[in-house]
Amino acid sequence: MRLILLGPPGAGKGTQAKILVEAYGIPQLSTGDILRSAIAAKTPLGLEAKAIVDRGDLVSDAIVNGIVSERLDAEDCKPGFILDGFPRTIAQAEALDQMLLDKGVKLDAVVEIKADADELVRRVIQRSKESGGARADDNEEVLRKRLDIYKEQTAPLCRLLQRQGSAQSSRRHGAGRKSHGFDQVCDRRLRTGQGFGS
């Protein structure tokens, strides 16, 4: 099974990904983890990314796409994988489309996890209280800014994928449990997406 999980910050992509990892024995891949692993392994792209990060600059899409491509070639990704929050933009989606075509790999589905913005804020504030405010991003102002960025960049991507027929939506309420829609997607073993490696 090969799929993408999309959704706004705090919607529970990580929680749902862990459920799928346990169910199907495939790796969860987030760009942050992939980037850190490449830097730690001192791959050519990892070293290039480290130099950029050390300067305080943002790693370009070209480098991120290259590192993701390398990770998808790993042995543990052959049975399948879960891309957690990637691609984030239409440009990254187009790069991924070509990447999968080059590898001869087809994506099964793109699952968008939806959640009400006010509910996300409430959840984050509660998490901040429980953790003593340890996380710098656990405050309403930062979260609302991240939600705005998601709305501007990733939401249009979801609409594009839905028009292509490769995205399925799952509205969920609260972290730590699957929604009915999410269950339906997984129980059907997902359907082949159009536009990604097809």
Protein backbone atom coordinates (compact mmCIF):
# COMPACT_ATOMS: atom_id res chain seq x y z
CA MET A 1 0.00 0.00 0.00
CA ARG A 2 1.35 3.40 -1.00
CA LEU A 3 -0.45 6.51 0.10
CA ILE A 4 -0.18 10.14 1.09
CA LEU A 5 -1.70 11.57 4.27
CA LEU A 6 -2.55 15.26 4.13
CA GLY A 7 -4.18 17.49 6.71
CA PRO A 8 -3.71 20.69 8.71
CA PRO A 9 -1.35 20.92 11.70
CA GLY A 10 -2.79 19.11 14.70
CA ALA A 11 -5.30 17.07 12.66
CA GLY A 12 -3.63 13.83 13.70
CA LYS A 13 -1.76 12.69 10.59
CA GLY A 14 0.92 11.15 12.80
CA THR A 15 -1.64 9.27 14.86
CA GLN A 16 -3.38 7.85 11.81
CA ALA A 17 -0.04 7.00 10.18
CA LYS A 18 1.00 4.96 13.22
CA ILE A 19 -2.23 2.98 12.98
CA LEU A 20 -1.45 2.14 9.35
CA VAL A 21 2.19 1.32 10.14
CA GLU A 22 1.03 -1.23 12.70
CA ALA A 23 -1.67 -2.62 10.40
CA TYR A 24 0.39 -2.97 7.22
CA GLY A 25 4.02 -2.99 8.35
CA ILE A 26 5.07 -0.16 6.03
CA PRO A 27 7.17 2.88 6.97
CA GLN A 28 5.83 6.32 7.77
CA LEU A 29 7.85 8.97 5.94
CA SER A 30 7.80 12.61 6.95
CA THR A 31 10.01 15.14 5.20
CA GLY A 32 11.50 16.26 8.51
CA ASP A 33 12.56 12.73 9.46
CA ILE A 34 13.84 12.00 5.94
CA LEU A 35 15.86 15.22 5.93
CA ARG A 36 17.39 14.56 9.35
CA SER A 37 18.29 11.00 8.35
CA ALA A 38 19.98 12.18 5.15
CA ILE A 39 21.97 14.77 7.09
CA ALA A 40 22.98 12.19 9.71
CA ALA A 41 23.98 9.72 6.98
CA LYS A 42 26.02 12.46 5.27
CA THR A 43 24.63 11.69 1.85
CA PRO A 44 25.52 14.23 -0.87
CA LEU A 45 22.04 15.74 -0.71
CA GLY A 46 22.10 15.54 3.08
CA LEU A 47 25.35 17.50 3.25
CA GLU A 48 23.94 20.07 0.85
CA ALA A 49 20.82 20.38 2.99
CA LYS A 50 22.90 20.70 6.18
CA ALA A 51 24.85 23.61 4.72
CA ILE A 52 21.58 25.38 3.89
CA VAL A 53 20.05 24.68 7.31
CA ASP A 54 23.21 25.86 9.06
CA ARG A 55 22.90 29.18 7.21
CA GLY A 56 19.36 29.48 8.51
CA ASP A 57 17.84 29.20 5.05
CA LEU A 58 14.97 27.01 3.87
CA VAL A 59 15.83 23.81 2.05
CA SER A 60 14.68 24.08 -1.57
CA ASP A 61 12.02 21.85 -3.11
CA ALA A 62 14.66 20.39 -5.43
CA ILE A 63 16.71 19.08 -2.51
CA VAL A 64 13.67 17.90 -0.55
CA ASN A 65 12.35 16.08 -3.62
CA GLY A 66 15.74 14.46 -4.18
CA ILE A 67 15.98 13.26 -0.60
CA VAL A 68 12.43 11.88 -0.73
CA SER A 69 13.27 10.07 -3.96
CA GLU A 70 16.33 8.47 -2.36
CA ARG A 71 14.27 7.36 0.65
CA LEU A 72 11.60 5.76 -1.55
CA ASP A 73 14.33 3.59 -3.10
CA ALA A 74 15.12 2.03 0.30
CA GLU A 75 14.38 -1.66 0.81
CA ASP A 76 11.73 -1.10 3.48
CA CYS A 77 9.66 1.01 1.07
CA LYS A 78 9.28 -1.76 -1.51
CA PRO A 79 6.12 -3.22 0.10
CA GLY A 80 4.68 0.29 0.45
CA PHE A 81 4.97 3.56 2.33
CA ILE A 82 3.03 6.39 3.93
CA LEU A 83 4.05 9.91 2.96
CA ASP A 84 3.08 12.04 5.95
CA GLY A 85 2.45 15.63 4.86
CA PHE A 86 4.27 15.43 1.53
CA PRO A 87 3.70 16.87 -1.00
CA ARG A 88 2.64 20.20 0.51
CA THR A 89 2.34 22.23 -2.69
CA ILE A 90 1.26 21.68 -6.28
CA ALA A 91 4.89 22.03 -7.39
CA GLN A 92 5.95 19.24 -5.04
CA ALA A 93 3.00 17.13 -6.23
CA GLU A 94 4.11 17.50 -9.83
CA ALA A 95 7.65 16.49 -8.86
CA LEU A 96 6.33 13.46 -6.97
CA ASP A 97 4.19 12.48 -9.93
CA GLN A 98 7.24 12.38 -12.18
CA MET A 99 9.28 10.67 -9.48
CA LEU A 100 6.80 7.81 -9.17
CA LEU A 101 6.50 7.49 -12.93
CA ASP A 102 10.28 7.17 -13.21
CA LYS A 103 10.29 4.47 -10.54
CA GLY A 104 7.36 2.61 -12.10
CA VAL A 105 5.41 2.92 -8.86
CA LYS A 106 1.72 3.70 -8.52
CA LEU A 107 0.14 5.52 -5.59
CA ASP A 108 -2.94 3.84 -4.13
CA ALA A 109 -4.60 6.94 -2.69
CA VAL A 110 -4.28 10.36 -1.15
CA VAL A 111 -6.17 10.71 2.14
CA GLU A 112 -6.96 14.17 3.43
CA ILE A 113 -7.72 14.30 7.15
CA LYS A 114 -10.00 17.22 7.94
CA ALA A 115 -10.66 18.90 11.27
CA ASP A 116 -12.38 22.08 12.37
CA ALA A 117 -9.92 24.95 12.94
CA ASP A 118 -11.42 25.93 16.31
CA GLU A 119 -11.25 22.31 17.45
CA LEU A 120 -7.57 22.15 16.46
CA VAL A 121 -6.84 25.31 18.44
CA ARG A 122 -8.72 23.94 21.47
CA ARG A 123 -6.77 20.69 21.26
CA VAL A 124 -3.41 22.45 20.99
CA ILE A 125 -4.16 24.74 23.92
CA GLN A 126 -5.15 21.69 25.98
CA ARG A 127 -1.94 19.92 24.96
CA SER A 128 0.05 22.98 25.96
CA LYS A 129 -1.56 22.99 29.40
CA GLU A 130 -0.88 19.29 29.90
CA SER A 131 2.77 19.65 28.85
CA GLY A 132 3.36 22.84 30.81
CA GLY A 133 3.77 24.85 27.60
CA ALA A 134 6.94 23.00 26.69
CA ARG A 135 6.41 23.19 22.93
CA ALA A 136 7.02 26.56 21.31
CA ASP A 137 4.36 25.94 18.67
CA ASP A 138 1.66 25.07 21.19
CA ASN A 139 -0.09 28.43 21.19
CA GLU A 140 -3.06 29.82 19.31
CA GLU A 141 -1.22 32.54 17.38
CA VAL A 142 1.40 30.18 15.95
CA LEU A 143 -1.16 27.49 15.13
CA ARG A 144 -3.50 29.90 13.35
CA LYS A 145 -0.58 31.12 11.25
CA ARG A 146 0.32 27.53 10.34
CA LEU A 147 -3.32 26.82 9.48
CA ASP A 148 -3.35 29.87 7.19
CA ILE A 149 -0.23 28.59 5.43
CA TYR A 150 -1.84 25.18 5.02
CA LYS A 151 -4.99 26.76 3.61
CA GLU A 152 -2.98 28.78 1.10
CA GLN A 153 -0.56 26.06 -0.01
CA THR A 154 -1.89 22.59 0.64
CA ALA A 155 -5.66 22.96 0.47
CA PRO A 156 -5.54 23.85 -3.27
CA LEU A 157 -3.46 20.70 -3.76
CA CYS A 158 -6.19 18.61 -2.13
CA ARG A 159 -8.81 20.12 -4.43
CA LEU A 160 -6.62 19.33 -7.44
CA LEU A 161 -6.20 15.71 -6.33
CA GLN A 162 -9.93 15.35 -5.72
CA ARG A 163 -10.64 16.54 -9.25
CA GLN A 164 -8.12 13.98 -10.51
CA GLY A 165 -9.91 11.30 -8.53
CA SER A 166 -6.95 10.40 -6.31
CA ALA A 167 -7.94 12.05 -3.02
CA GLN A 168 -10.37 10.79 -0.42
CA SER A 169 -11.41 12.86 2.58
CA SER A 170 -11.79 11.70 6.14
CA ARG A 171 -13.24 14.10 8.69
CA ARG A 172 -12.11 13.23 12.18
CA HIS A 173 -12.84 14.63 15.63
CA GLY A 174 -10.10 14.20 18.19
CA ALA A 175 -6.69 12.60 18.12
CA GLY A 176 -6.07 8.96 18.83
CA ARG A 177 -8.95 7.28 17.05
CA LYS A 178 -9.93 6.56 13.47
CA SER A 179 -12.92 8.18 11.84
CA HIS A 180 -15.60 6.18 10.06
CA GLY A 181 -14.43 7.60 6.73
CA PHE A 182 -10.84 6.66 7.47
CA ASP A 183 -11.93 3.11 8.32
CA GLN A 184 -13.77 2.85 5.02
CA VAL A 185 -10.70 3.93 3.06
CA CYS A 186 -8.47 1.38 4.79
CA ASP A 187 -11.02 -1.44 4.68
CA ARG A 188 -11.26 -1.08 0.91
CA ARG A 189 -7.45 -1.34 0.70
CA LEU A 190 -7.73 2.05 -1.06
CA ARG A 191 -8.37 2.66 -4.71
CA THR A 192 -5.80 3.43 -7.35
CA GLY A 193 -5.17 7.16 -7.70
CA GLN A 194 -5.02 8.96 -11.03
CA GLY A 195 -2.22 11.39 -11.72
CA PHE A 196 0.39 9.81 -9.45
CA GLY A 197 2.49 7.19 -11.14
CA SER A 198 -0.48 6.01 -13.18
